[in-house]
Amino acid sequence: MNLGIIGQAAALFAVTNIDDILVLALFFAQGAGHPVPRPAAAGPGRQGRRPGMAAPS
């Protein structure tokens, strides 16, 4: 094998990894300002009161 081809392959591999890191950084930066809403915690009077289920006795 030619050393030039191996060098080119290594350089392309490094460039694609850097590109992937930049794309992931952009995705995470976009989501940083928009927190995911969390469901409300069930209070003492709401436990076991799901639709289609009977209240605990």
C-alpha atoms as a PDB file:
ATOM      1  CA  MET A   1       0.000   0.000   0.000  1.00  0.00           C
ATOM      2  CA  ASN A   2       1.042   3.514  -0.676  1.00  0.00           C
ATOM      3  CA  LEU A   3       1.737   5.728   2.340  1.00  0.00           C
ATOM      4  CA  GLY A   4      -0.030   8.625   0.598  1.00  0.00           C
ATOM      5  CA  ILE A   5      -3.296   6.682   0.437  1.00  0.00           C
ATOM      6  CA  ILE A   6      -3.042   5.725   4.105  1.00  0.00           C
ATOM      7  CA  GLY A   7      -2.376   9.369   5.010  1.00  0.00           C
ATOM      8  CA  GLN A   8      -5.356  10.529   2.976  1.00  0.00           C
ATOM      9  CA  ALA A   9      -7.594   7.920   4.624  1.00  0.00           C
ATOM     10  CA  ALA A  10      -6.459   8.992   8.095  1.00  0.00           C
ATOM     11  CA  ALA A  11      -7.019  12.664   7.273  1.00  0.00           C
ATOM     12  CA  LEU A  12     -10.525  12.004   5.895  1.00  0.00           C
ATOM     13  CA  PHE A  13     -11.364   9.936   8.975  1.00  0.00           C
ATOM     14  CA  ALA A  14     -10.248  12.784  11.254  1.00  0.00           C
ATOM     15  CA  VAL A  15     -12.184  15.402   9.263  1.00  0.00           C
ATOM     16  CA  THR A  16     -15.413  13.377   9.346  1.00  0.00           C
ATOM     17  CA  ASN A  17     -15.078  12.929  13.124  1.00  0.00           C
ATOM     18  CA  ILE A  18     -14.610  16.673  13.577  1.00  0.00           C
ATOM     19  CA  ASP A  19     -17.641  17.286  11.353  1.00  0.00           C
ATOM     20  CA  ASP A  20     -19.736  14.906  13.477  1.00  0.00           C
ATOM     21  CA  ILE A  21     -18.667  16.680  16.661  1.00  0.00           C
ATOM     22  CA  LEU A  22     -19.704  20.047  15.205  1.00  0.00           C
ATOM     23  CA  VAL A  23     -23.103  18.735  14.099  1.00  0.00           C
ATOM     24  CA  LEU A  24     -23.761  17.212  17.534  1.00  0.00           C
ATOM     25  CA  ALA A  25     -22.672  20.440  19.229  1.00  0.00           C
ATOM     26  CA  LEU A  26     -25.182  22.381  17.123  1.00  0.00           C
ATOM     27  CA  PHE A  27     -27.996  19.977  18.015  1.00  0.00           C
ATOM     28  CA  PHE A  28     -27.220  20.181  21.737  1.00  0.00           C
ATOM     29  CA  ALA A  29     -26.883  23.980  21.594  1.00  0.00           C
ATOM     30  CA  GLN A  30     -30.325  24.297  20.010  1.00  0.00           C
ATOM     31  CA  GLY A  31     -31.915  22.163  22.708  1.00  0.00           C
ATOM     32  CA  ALA A  32     -30.168  23.936  25.597  1.00  0.00           C
ATOM     33  CA  GLY A  33     -32.608  26.846  25.596  1.00  0.00           C
ATOM     34  CA  HIS A  34     -35.706  24.652  25.441  1.00  0.00           C
ATOM     35  CA  PRO A  35     -36.054  22.434  28.524  1.00  0.00           C
ATOM     36  CA  VAL A  36     -38.231  19.356  28.160  1.00  0.00           C
ATOM     37  CA  PRO A  37     -41.452  19.683  30.191  1.00  0.00           C
ATOM     38  CA  ARG A  38     -41.784  17.074  32.917  1.00  0.00           C
ATOM     39  CA  PRO A  39     -45.085  15.543  33.973  1.00  0.00           C
ATOM     40  CA  ALA A  40     -46.600  16.834  37.187  1.00  0.00           C
ATOM     41  CA  ALA A  41     -45.962  14.687  40.225  1.00  0.00           C
ATOM     42  CA  ALA A  42     -48.960  12.869  41.618  1.00  0.00           C
ATOM     43  CA  GLY A  43     -50.157  14.478  44.818  1.00  0.00           C
ATOM     44  CA  PRO A  44     -51.602  12.665  47.820  1.00  0.00           C
ATOM     45  CA  GLY A  45     -55.144  12.772  46.424  1.00  0.00           C
ATOM     46  CA  ARG A  46     -54.231  11.638  42.904  1.00  0.00           C
ATOM     47  CA  GLN A  47     -52.603   8.287  43.531  1.00  0.00           C
ATOM     48  CA  GLY A  48     -54.465   5.370  41.992  1.00  0.00           C
ATOM     49  CA  ARG A  49     -56.909   7.598  40.114  1.00  0.00           C
ATOM     50  CA  ARG A  50     -56.047   6.791  36.534  1.00  0.00           C
ATOM     51  CA  PRO A  51     -58.732   6.638  33.838  1.00  0.00           C
ATOM     52  CA  GLY A  52     -60.229   3.159  33.682  1.00  0.00           C
ATOM     53  CA  MET A  53     -58.998   2.150  37.122  1.00  0.00           C
ATOM     54  CA  ALA A  54     -61.025   1.928  40.296  1.00  0.00           C
ATOM     55  CA  ALA A  55     -60.021   3.934  43.339  1.00  0.00           C
ATOM     56  CA  PRO A  56     -58.143   1.904  45.957  1.00  0.00           C
ATOM     57  CA  SER A  57     -60.308   0.660  48.778  1.00  0.00           C
END
